[in-house]
Amino acid sequence: MKARVEKLFRLADPKPDAIVLANAVDPHLDGAFFWLFDVPSGLFEGSFAVAHSDGELDVWSSVLEADTARAAAKRDPHVRIHEFRAPSDLDEELRKQLTGTTTIGLHYAEITHATFERITKALPGASWTDVSAPVRKARVTKDAIEIERLEKAAEIGSKVAKEIPGMLENGMVELSLATEMNYRMMHHGASGPSFSTIVGFGPNSAEPHYFAGDRKLRSGDSIVCDFGAYYERYASDITRSFHFGKRDEELKAVHDKVEEAQHAALALIRPGVAAKELHLAAQRVIDASPWKGRFTHGLGHSIGLRVHDGWGMNDRSEDLLEEGMVITVEPGIYLPGHGGVRIEDDVLVTKTGYRFLTTAPRGYREVAA
């Protein structure tokens, strides 16, 4: 991962002498730790990584996961693994490694307050600089390894999306469908869902961040399924909307309009385009329809080691698209008390446009009750 370490230092301004990435306990784990240390499994709670400007990386692992760390490091001659048994041992190791180092970068966006106090106490003579911005910038464009894993995660999500119509049964509850989707993702090779699977039936499909509950599926219901898979730590995020039983002409028209909005945004994707222009293109389509104002969230977000990894895409986004970014494009229309439609895909920004990573059909799908 030498290239990633060098990329991070290249983007850092001011440039620190070393960068420390620190994990606390789950869920307070730093994604940048796993970006620089490419280890396929494990939590590495309490572990630290020290990155150096020459591209070298020192990683401290507890005894619990030291064998996993050493196995991962065998693939990378620029990673050195150290073992610790207690946090106090690690504090002493940091002192040995970094005493005399003038400026140390910390990832303020992820480090816990308790860990910050520990590090600053262990190294009282150091000065500290926040590397959150360069970490974000470095991670938002993906290398070939990351793209391969993101594509595999998207492939798993796409397979499950294609299978959802066959899972639907009159009277089933939302949680039952979400459970089956999670099982199918892992059956197809995921290590787990990348976030809590959203399944909304009928009026619940009009809540964008709804938690699956015990509502039963009935004829005439709209269905929104928003879910994703983890594959070797990398996430996918896909949403497909269906209709169960007797057609609802308004929701059919809503689905067509959401598809149109997504196409309008996708047509703009290429390096150098402002992310907010994609959002505005989709919003213009929806605001010119009878459902003006019912697109109630940003168009999408960057995705990587986490499902929301980097930045969000809305009408205030300052980010420009770059080749190698992976983003979601997810317009929706929501009719409170009635139902909703969202269509979401993961796409890779290419040199001349984009490429779909998610491949499940996007068109209106009516499932017999």
Protein backbone atom coordinates (compact mmCIF):
# COMPACT_ATOMS: atom_id res chain seq x y z
CA MET A 1 0.00 0.00 0.00
CA LYS A 2 3.01 2.26 -0.42
CA ALA A 3 1.25 4.17 -3.21
CA ARG A 4 -1.66 5.02 -0.88
CA VAL A 5 0.67 6.25 1.89
CA GLU A 6 2.55 8.41 -0.61
CA LYS A 7 -0.71 9.74 -2.03
CA LEU A 8 -1.85 10.77 1.45
CA PHE A 9 1.37 12.64 2.21
CA ARG A 10 1.33 14.27 -1.23
CA LEU A 11 -2.10 15.76 -0.48
CA ALA A 12 -1.31 16.84 3.09
CA ASP A 13 -0.65 20.55 3.59
CA PRO A 14 1.04 21.28 5.91
CA LYS A 15 2.99 18.05 5.54
CA PRO A 16 3.47 16.16 8.83
CA ASP A 17 6.54 14.09 9.67
CA ALA A 18 4.31 11.07 10.38
CA ILE A 19 0.60 10.24 10.45
CA VAL A 20 -1.03 8.17 13.19
CA LEU A 21 -4.32 6.36 12.54
CA ALA A 22 -5.93 4.94 15.65
CA ASN A 23 -8.80 2.54 16.23
CA ALA A 24 -10.85 2.53 19.43
CA VAL A 25 -13.50 -0.22 19.76
CA ASP A 26 -16.19 -1.10 17.26
CA PRO A 27 -17.95 0.92 15.86
CA HIS A 28 -15.25 3.55 16.41
CA LEU A 29 -12.83 2.11 13.86
CA ASP A 30 -11.01 4.36 11.43
CA GLY A 31 -11.69 3.50 7.79
CA ALA A 32 -8.38 5.13 6.87
CA PHE A 33 -6.57 2.54 8.99
CA PHE A 34 -7.97 -0.20 6.74
CA TRP A 35 -7.35 1.87 3.62
CA LEU A 36 -3.64 2.04 4.39
CA PHE A 37 -3.37 -1.45 5.90
CA ASP A 38 -5.15 -3.79 3.50
CA VAL A 39 -6.18 -6.59 5.84
CA PRO A 40 -9.24 -8.56 4.68
CA SER A 41 -10.78 -9.46 8.04
CA GLY A 42 -10.69 -8.56 11.71
CA LEU A 43 -11.69 -5.57 13.83
CA PHE A 44 -8.23 -4.48 15.02
CA GLU A 45 -9.73 -2.74 18.03
CA GLY A 46 -7.14 -0.60 19.80
CA SER A 47 -4.68 -0.97 16.93
CA PHE A 48 -2.56 1.89 15.60
CA ALA A 49 -0.89 2.51 12.24
CA VAL A 50 1.97 4.97 11.77
CA ALA A 51 2.48 6.13 8.19
CA HIS A 52 5.78 7.62 7.07
CA SER A 53 6.47 10.03 4.22
CA ASP A 54 8.65 7.46 2.41
CA GLY A 55 5.62 5.19 1.98
CA GLU A 56 6.43 2.80 4.83
CA LEU A 57 3.77 1.74 7.35
CA ASP A 58 4.13 0.43 10.90
CA VAL A 59 1.09 -1.36 12.32
CA TRP A 60 0.55 -2.32 15.95
CA SER A 61 -1.87 -5.20 16.47
CA SER A 62 -3.01 -6.83 19.67
CA VAL A 63 -2.03 -10.47 20.21
CA LEU A 64 -5.62 -11.38 19.34
CA GLU A 65 -5.22 -10.48 15.65
CA ALA A 66 -1.45 -10.47 15.20
CA ASP A 67 -1.42 -13.63 13.06
CA THR A 68 -4.02 -12.10 10.72
CA ALA A 69 -1.96 -8.91 10.52
CA ARG A 70 1.27 -10.76 9.75
CA ALA A 71 -0.45 -12.81 7.03
CA ALA A 72 -1.70 -9.61 5.38
CA ALA A 73 1.71 -7.95 5.67
CA LYS A 74 3.37 -10.81 3.78
CA ARG A 75 1.78 -9.39 0.62
CA ASP A 76 3.33 -5.95 1.19
CA PRO A 77 7.04 -5.41 1.87
CA HIS A 78 6.34 -1.84 3.00
CA VAL A 79 4.30 -2.89 6.06
CA ARG A 80 5.89 -3.83 9.39
CA ILE A 81 3.78 -5.56 12.06
CA HIS A 82 4.32 -5.04 15.79
CA GLU A 83 2.47 -6.85 18.57
CA PHE A 84 1.18 -5.49 21.87
CA ARG A 85 -0.58 -7.10 24.82
CA ALA A 86 -1.90 -4.07 26.73
CA PRO A 87 -2.65 -0.43 25.82
CA SER A 88 0.16 0.72 28.09
CA ASP A 89 2.61 -1.35 26.01
CA LEU A 90 1.38 0.41 22.88
CA ASP A 91 1.86 3.83 24.47
CA GLU A 92 5.48 2.96 25.16
CA GLU A 93 5.93 1.68 21.60
CA LEU A 94 4.57 4.96 20.22
CA ARG A 95 7.03 6.90 22.37
CA LYS A 96 9.91 4.84 20.99
CA GLN A 97 8.70 5.19 17.41
CA LEU A 98 7.86 8.90 17.42
CA THR A 99 9.88 10.65 20.10
CA GLY A 100 11.71 13.45 18.35
CA THR A 101 9.13 13.65 15.57
CA THR A 102 8.11 17.29 15.34
CA THR A 103 4.71 17.27 13.64
CA ILE A 104 2.28 14.35 13.71
CA GLY A 105 -0.89 14.12 11.66
CA LEU A 106 -4.06 12.77 13.25
CA HIS A 107 -7.34 11.91 11.57
CA TYR A 108 -9.55 14.14 13.71
CA ALA A 109 -12.69 13.08 11.83
CA GLU A 110 -12.39 9.51 13.17
CA ILE A 111 -10.25 9.51 16.32
CA THR A 112 -12.11 9.34 19.63
CA HIS A 113 -11.49 11.96 22.30
CA ALA A 114 -10.19 9.32 24.72
CA THR A 115 -7.68 8.04 22.16
CA PHE A 116 -6.56 11.59 21.35
CA GLU A 117 -5.87 12.25 25.02
CA ARG A 118 -3.90 9.00 25.25
CA ILE A 119 -1.70 9.82 22.26
CA THR A 120 -1.03 13.40 23.28
CA LYS A 121 -0.12 12.25 26.79
CA ALA A 122 2.26 9.62 25.38
CA LEU A 123 3.95 12.21 23.13
CA PRO A 124 3.92 15.49 25.08
CA GLY A 125 6.54 17.19 22.92
CA ALA A 126 4.80 16.72 19.58
CA SER A 127 2.68 19.19 17.66
CA TRP A 128 -0.47 17.95 15.96
CA THR A 129 -2.12 18.63 12.64
CA ASP A 130 -5.48 17.45 11.30
CA VAL A 131 -5.21 15.26 8.19
CA SER A 132 -8.95 14.71 7.76
CA ALA A 133 -9.13 16.70 4.50
CA PRO A 134 -6.24 14.91 2.76
CA VAL A 135 -7.55 11.53 3.98
CA ARG A 136 -10.95 12.31 2.45
CA LYS A 137 -9.37 13.54 -0.78
CA ALA A 138 -7.06 10.54 -1.06
CA ARG A 139 -9.80 7.97 -0.49
CA VAL A 140 -12.46 9.45 -2.75
CA THR A 141 -10.71 8.29 -5.94
CA LYS A 142 -10.21 4.55 -6.12
CA ASP A 143 -7.34 2.40 -7.34
CA ALA A 144 -7.74 -0.82 -9.33
CA ILE A 145 -7.96 -3.05 -6.23
CA GLU A 146 -10.71 -0.92 -4.72
CA ILE A 147 -12.70 -0.78 -7.95
CA GLU A 148 -12.54 -4.57 -8.27
CA ARG A 149 -13.93 -5.01 -4.75
CA LEU A 150 -16.60 -2.35 -5.18
CA GLU A 151 -17.68 -4.03 -8.40
CA LYS A 152 -17.90 -7.40 -6.65
CA ALA A 153 -19.96 -5.86 -3.83
CA ALA A 154 -22.25 -4.27 -6.44
CA GLU A 155 -22.56 -7.58 -8.27
CA ILE A 156 -23.76 -9.25 -5.06
CA GLY A 157 -26.34 -6.50 -4.49
CA SER A 158 -27.50 -6.74 -8.09
CA LYS A 159 -28.03 -10.50 -7.84
CA VAL A 160 -30.22 -10.06 -4.77
CA ALA A 161 -32.16 -7.21 -6.40
CA LYS A 162 -33.02 -9.54 -9.29
CA GLU A 163 -34.24 -12.17 -6.81
CA ILE A 164 -36.51 -9.90 -4.74
CA PRO A 165 -39.66 -10.35 -6.87
CA GLY A 166 -39.47 -14.10 -6.24
CA MET A 167 -39.28 -13.52 -2.48
CA LEU A 168 -42.51 -11.49 -2.24
CA GLU A 169 -45.51 -13.17 -0.62
CA ASN A 170 -48.87 -11.75 0.35
CA GLY A 171 -48.90 -11.18 4.13
CA MET A 172 -45.15 -11.34 4.69
CA VAL A 173 -43.71 -8.68 6.98
CA GLU A 174 -40.97 -6.21 6.07
CA LEU A 175 -38.49 -7.79 8.48
CA SER A 176 -38.96 -11.19 6.83
CA LEU A 177 -38.01 -9.78 3.43
CA ALA A 178 -35.04 -7.88 4.89
CA THR A 179 -33.83 -11.05 6.62
CA GLU A 180 -34.06 -13.06 3.41
CA MET A 181 -32.20 -10.34 1.48
CA ASN A 182 -29.41 -10.32 4.06
CA TYR A 183 -29.14 -14.11 3.83
CA ARG A 184 -29.02 -14.00 0.03
CA MET A 185 -26.25 -11.39 0.07
CA MET A 186 -24.09 -13.57 2.30
CA HIS A 187 -24.99 -16.66 0.28
CA HIS A 188 -23.62 -14.84 -2.79
CA GLY A 189 -20.33 -14.00 -1.06
CA ALA A 190 -20.84 -10.90 1.08
CA SER A 191 -19.28 -10.72 4.54
CA GLY A 192 -22.49 -8.99 5.63
CA PRO A 193 -24.85 -6.12 4.79
CA SER A 194 -23.12 -2.75 4.43
CA PHE A 195 -25.90 -1.05 6.45
CA SER A 196 -29.25 -1.94 8.00
CA THR A 197 -31.39 -3.18 5.11
CA ILE A 198 -34.33 -0.89 4.37
CA VAL A 199 -37.61 -2.54 3.34
CA GLY A 200 -40.74 -0.41 3.26
CA PHE A 201 -44.20 -1.62 2.23
CA GLY A 202 -47.05 0.69 1.23
CA PRO A 203 -46.99 4.02 3.12
CA ASN A 204 -43.67 3.05 4.73
CA SER A 205 -42.00 3.17 1.31
CA ALA A 206 -42.47 6.96 1.45
CA GLU A 207 -39.93 7.21 4.31
CA PRO A 208 -36.43 7.34 2.76
CA HIS A 209 -34.56 6.03 5.83
CA TYR A 210 -37.21 3.71 7.18
CA PHE A 211 -36.28 0.74 9.42
CA ALA A 212 -37.96 -2.52 8.37
CA GLY A 213 -40.78 -3.41 10.76
CA ASP A 214 -43.78 -5.68 11.08
CA ARG A 215 -46.10 -4.22 8.44
CA LYS A 216 -47.58 -6.94 6.25
CA LEU A 217 -47.41 -6.84 2.45
CA ARG A 218 -50.80 -6.26 0.81
CA SER A 219 -52.02 -6.10 -2.75
CA GLY A 220 -51.62 -2.57 -4.08
CA ASP A 221 -48.51 -1.79 -2.01
CA SER A 222 -45.47 -0.04 -3.36
CA ILE A 223 -42.19 -1.53 -2.10
CA VAL A 224 -38.81 0.15 -1.62
CA CYS A 225 -35.77 -2.04 -0.93
CA ASP A 226 -32.51 -0.19 -0.16
CA PHE A 227 -29.59 -2.43 0.76
CA GLY A 228 -25.94 -3.21 0.16
CA ALA A 229 -23.22 -5.79 0.62
CA TYR A 230 -19.72 -5.75 2.07
CA TYR A 231 -17.10 -7.56 0.05
CA GLU A 232 -13.54 -7.54 1.45
CA ARG A 233 -14.50 -4.42 3.46
CA TYR A 234 -15.88 -2.52 0.43
CA ALA A 235 -19.55 -1.55 0.25
CA SER A 236 -22.32 -1.46 -2.31
CA ASP A 237 -25.60 0.44 -2.06
CA ILE A 238 -28.56 -0.28 -4.34
CA THR A 239 -32.25 0.59 -4.23
CA ARG A 240 -35.01 -0.97 -6.30
CA SER A 241 -38.72 -0.23 -6.13
CA PHE A 242 -41.52 -2.64 -6.96
CA HIS A 243 -45.30 -2.73 -6.97
CA PHE A 244 -47.24 -5.66 -5.52
CA GLY A 245 -50.58 -6.68 -6.94
CA LYS A 246 -53.15 -4.28 -8.38
CA ARG A 247 -51.56 -1.43 -10.31
CA ASP A 248 -51.53 2.06 -8.86
CA GLU A 249 -51.41 4.36 -11.88
CA GLU A 250 -49.96 7.29 -9.93
CA LEU A 251 -47.11 5.22 -8.52
CA LYS A 252 -46.44 3.78 -11.99
CA ALA A 253 -46.10 7.37 -13.27
CA VAL A 254 -43.92 8.24 -10.27
CA HIS A 255 -41.59 5.35 -11.10
CA ASP A 256 -41.29 6.53 -14.70
CA LYS A 257 -40.47 10.06 -13.51
CA VAL A 258 -37.79 8.82 -11.08
CA GLU A 259 -36.19 6.85 -13.93
CA GLU A 260 -36.22 9.98 -16.07
CA ALA A 261 -34.59 11.99 -13.27
CA GLN A 262 -31.86 9.39 -12.84
CA HIS A 263 -31.15 9.38 -16.59
CA ALA A 264 -30.87 13.19 -16.56
CA ALA A 265 -28.25 13.06 -13.82
CA LEU A 266 -26.31 10.14 -15.33
CA ALA A 267 -26.06 11.97 -18.66
CA LEU A 268 -23.89 14.66 -17.01
CA ILE A 269 -21.32 12.37 -15.40
CA ARG A 270 -17.74 12.98 -16.50
CA PRO A 271 -14.58 14.29 -14.83
CA GLY A 272 -14.66 18.00 -13.99
CA VAL A 273 -18.43 18.31 -13.63
CA ALA A 274 -19.66 19.76 -10.32
CA ALA A 275 -21.48 17.12 -8.27
CA LYS A 276 -24.28 19.57 -7.53
CA GLU A 277 -25.09 19.78 -11.26
CA LEU A 278 -26.15 16.12 -11.18
CA HIS A 279 -28.46 16.78 -8.26
CA LEU A 280 -29.94 19.87 -9.92
CA ALA A 281 -30.55 17.97 -13.18
CA ALA A 282 -32.58 15.33 -11.35
CA GLN A 283 -34.37 17.92 -9.25
CA ARG A 284 -35.42 19.90 -12.34
CA VAL A 285 -37.06 16.81 -13.84
CA ILE A 286 -39.01 16.10 -10.66
CA ASP A 287 -39.93 19.74 -9.97
CA ALA A 288 -41.40 20.00 -13.48
CA SER A 289 -43.76 17.12 -12.64
CA PRO A 290 -46.90 16.98 -10.47
CA TRP A 291 -44.63 15.89 -7.58
CA LYS A 292 -42.59 19.06 -7.18
CA GLY A 293 -40.93 19.17 -3.78
CA ARG A 294 -41.27 15.43 -3.15
CA PHE A 295 -37.58 14.71 -3.89
CA THR A 296 -36.47 15.31 -0.32
CA HIS A 297 -32.81 14.26 -0.12
CA GLY A 298 -29.49 14.60 -1.92
CA LEU A 299 -28.97 12.72 -5.18
CA GLY A 300 -26.23 10.47 -3.85
CA HIS A 301 -22.84 10.12 -2.19
CA SER A 302 -19.40 8.69 -2.66
CA ILE A 303 -18.95 5.09 -1.58
CA GLY A 304 -15.99 2.94 -0.61
CA LEU A 305 -14.93 1.30 2.65
CA ARG A 306 -18.14 2.71 4.06
CA VAL A 307 -21.46 3.17 2.40
CA HIS A 308 -21.24 6.95 2.92
CA ASP A 309 -17.55 7.48 2.35
CA GLY A 310 -16.33 10.96 1.50
CA TRP A 311 -19.03 13.42 0.43
CA GLY A 312 -22.71 13.82 -0.30
CA MET A 313 -24.22 15.08 -3.54
CA ASN A 314 -26.81 17.82 -3.16
CA ASP A 315 -27.53 21.32 -4.48
CA ARG A 316 -24.73 22.78 -2.31
CA SER A 317 -21.96 20.26 -3.10
CA GLU A 318 -18.67 21.89 -4.00
CA ASP A 319 -16.93 18.69 -5.11
CA LEU A 320 -16.00 18.08 -8.73
CA LEU A 321 -16.24 14.61 -10.24
CA GLU A 322 -12.92 12.89 -10.88
CA GLU A 323 -11.98 9.78 -12.78
CA GLY A 324 -11.91 6.85 -10.37
CA MET A 325 -14.66 8.08 -8.06
CA VAL A 326 -17.48 5.67 -7.24
CA ILE A 327 -20.76 7.40 -6.45
CA THR A 328 -24.43 6.55 -5.98
CA VAL A 329 -27.17 8.17 -8.07
CA GLU A 330 -30.48 7.79 -6.24
CA PRO A 331 -33.38 10.13 -7.02
CA GLY A 332 -36.72 9.43 -5.37
CA ILE A 333 -40.27 10.69 -5.05
CA TYR A 334 -42.19 10.16 -1.81
CA LEU A 335 -45.93 10.57 -1.27
CA PRO A 336 -46.63 10.53 2.49
CA GLY A 337 -49.37 8.11 3.49
CA HIS A 338 -49.39 6.54 0.04
CA GLY A 339 -46.01 5.21 -1.13
CA GLY A 340 -42.67 6.03 -2.65
CA VAL A 341 -40.16 5.16 -5.34
CA ARG A 342 -36.37 5.37 -5.27
CA ILE A 343 -33.91 4.01 -7.84
CA GLU A 344 -30.27 3.87 -6.79
CA ASP A 345 -27.17 2.69 -8.60
CA ASP A 346 -23.45 2.63 -7.93
CA VAL A 347 -21.44 4.07 -10.82
CA LEU A 348 -17.76 4.51 -11.56
CA VAL A 349 -16.67 7.84 -13.01
CA THR A 350 -14.52 7.05 -16.06
CA LYS A 351 -12.31 9.18 -18.30
CA THR A 352 -15.20 9.92 -20.67
CA GLY A 353 -18.34 9.32 -18.61
CA TYR A 354 -19.41 6.52 -16.29
CA ARG A 355 -19.88 2.79 -15.94
CA PHE A 356 -22.60 1.05 -13.96
CA LEU A 357 -21.36 -1.21 -11.17
CA THR A 358 -24.89 -2.22 -10.19
CA THR A 359 -26.66 -4.00 -13.05
CA ALA A 360 -30.11 -5.10 -11.83
CA PRO A 361 -33.06 -3.93 -14.00
CA ARG A 362 -34.26 -0.42 -13.15
CA GLY A 363 -37.62 -0.37 -14.90
CA TYR A 364 -41.07 -0.55 -13.35
CA ARG A 365 -41.77 -4.04 -12.04
CA GLU A 366 -45.25 -5.20 -11.05
CA VAL A 367 -45.32 -8.44 -9.05
CA ALA A 368 -48.49 -10.53 -8.97
CA ALA A 369 -50.08 -10.77 -5.54
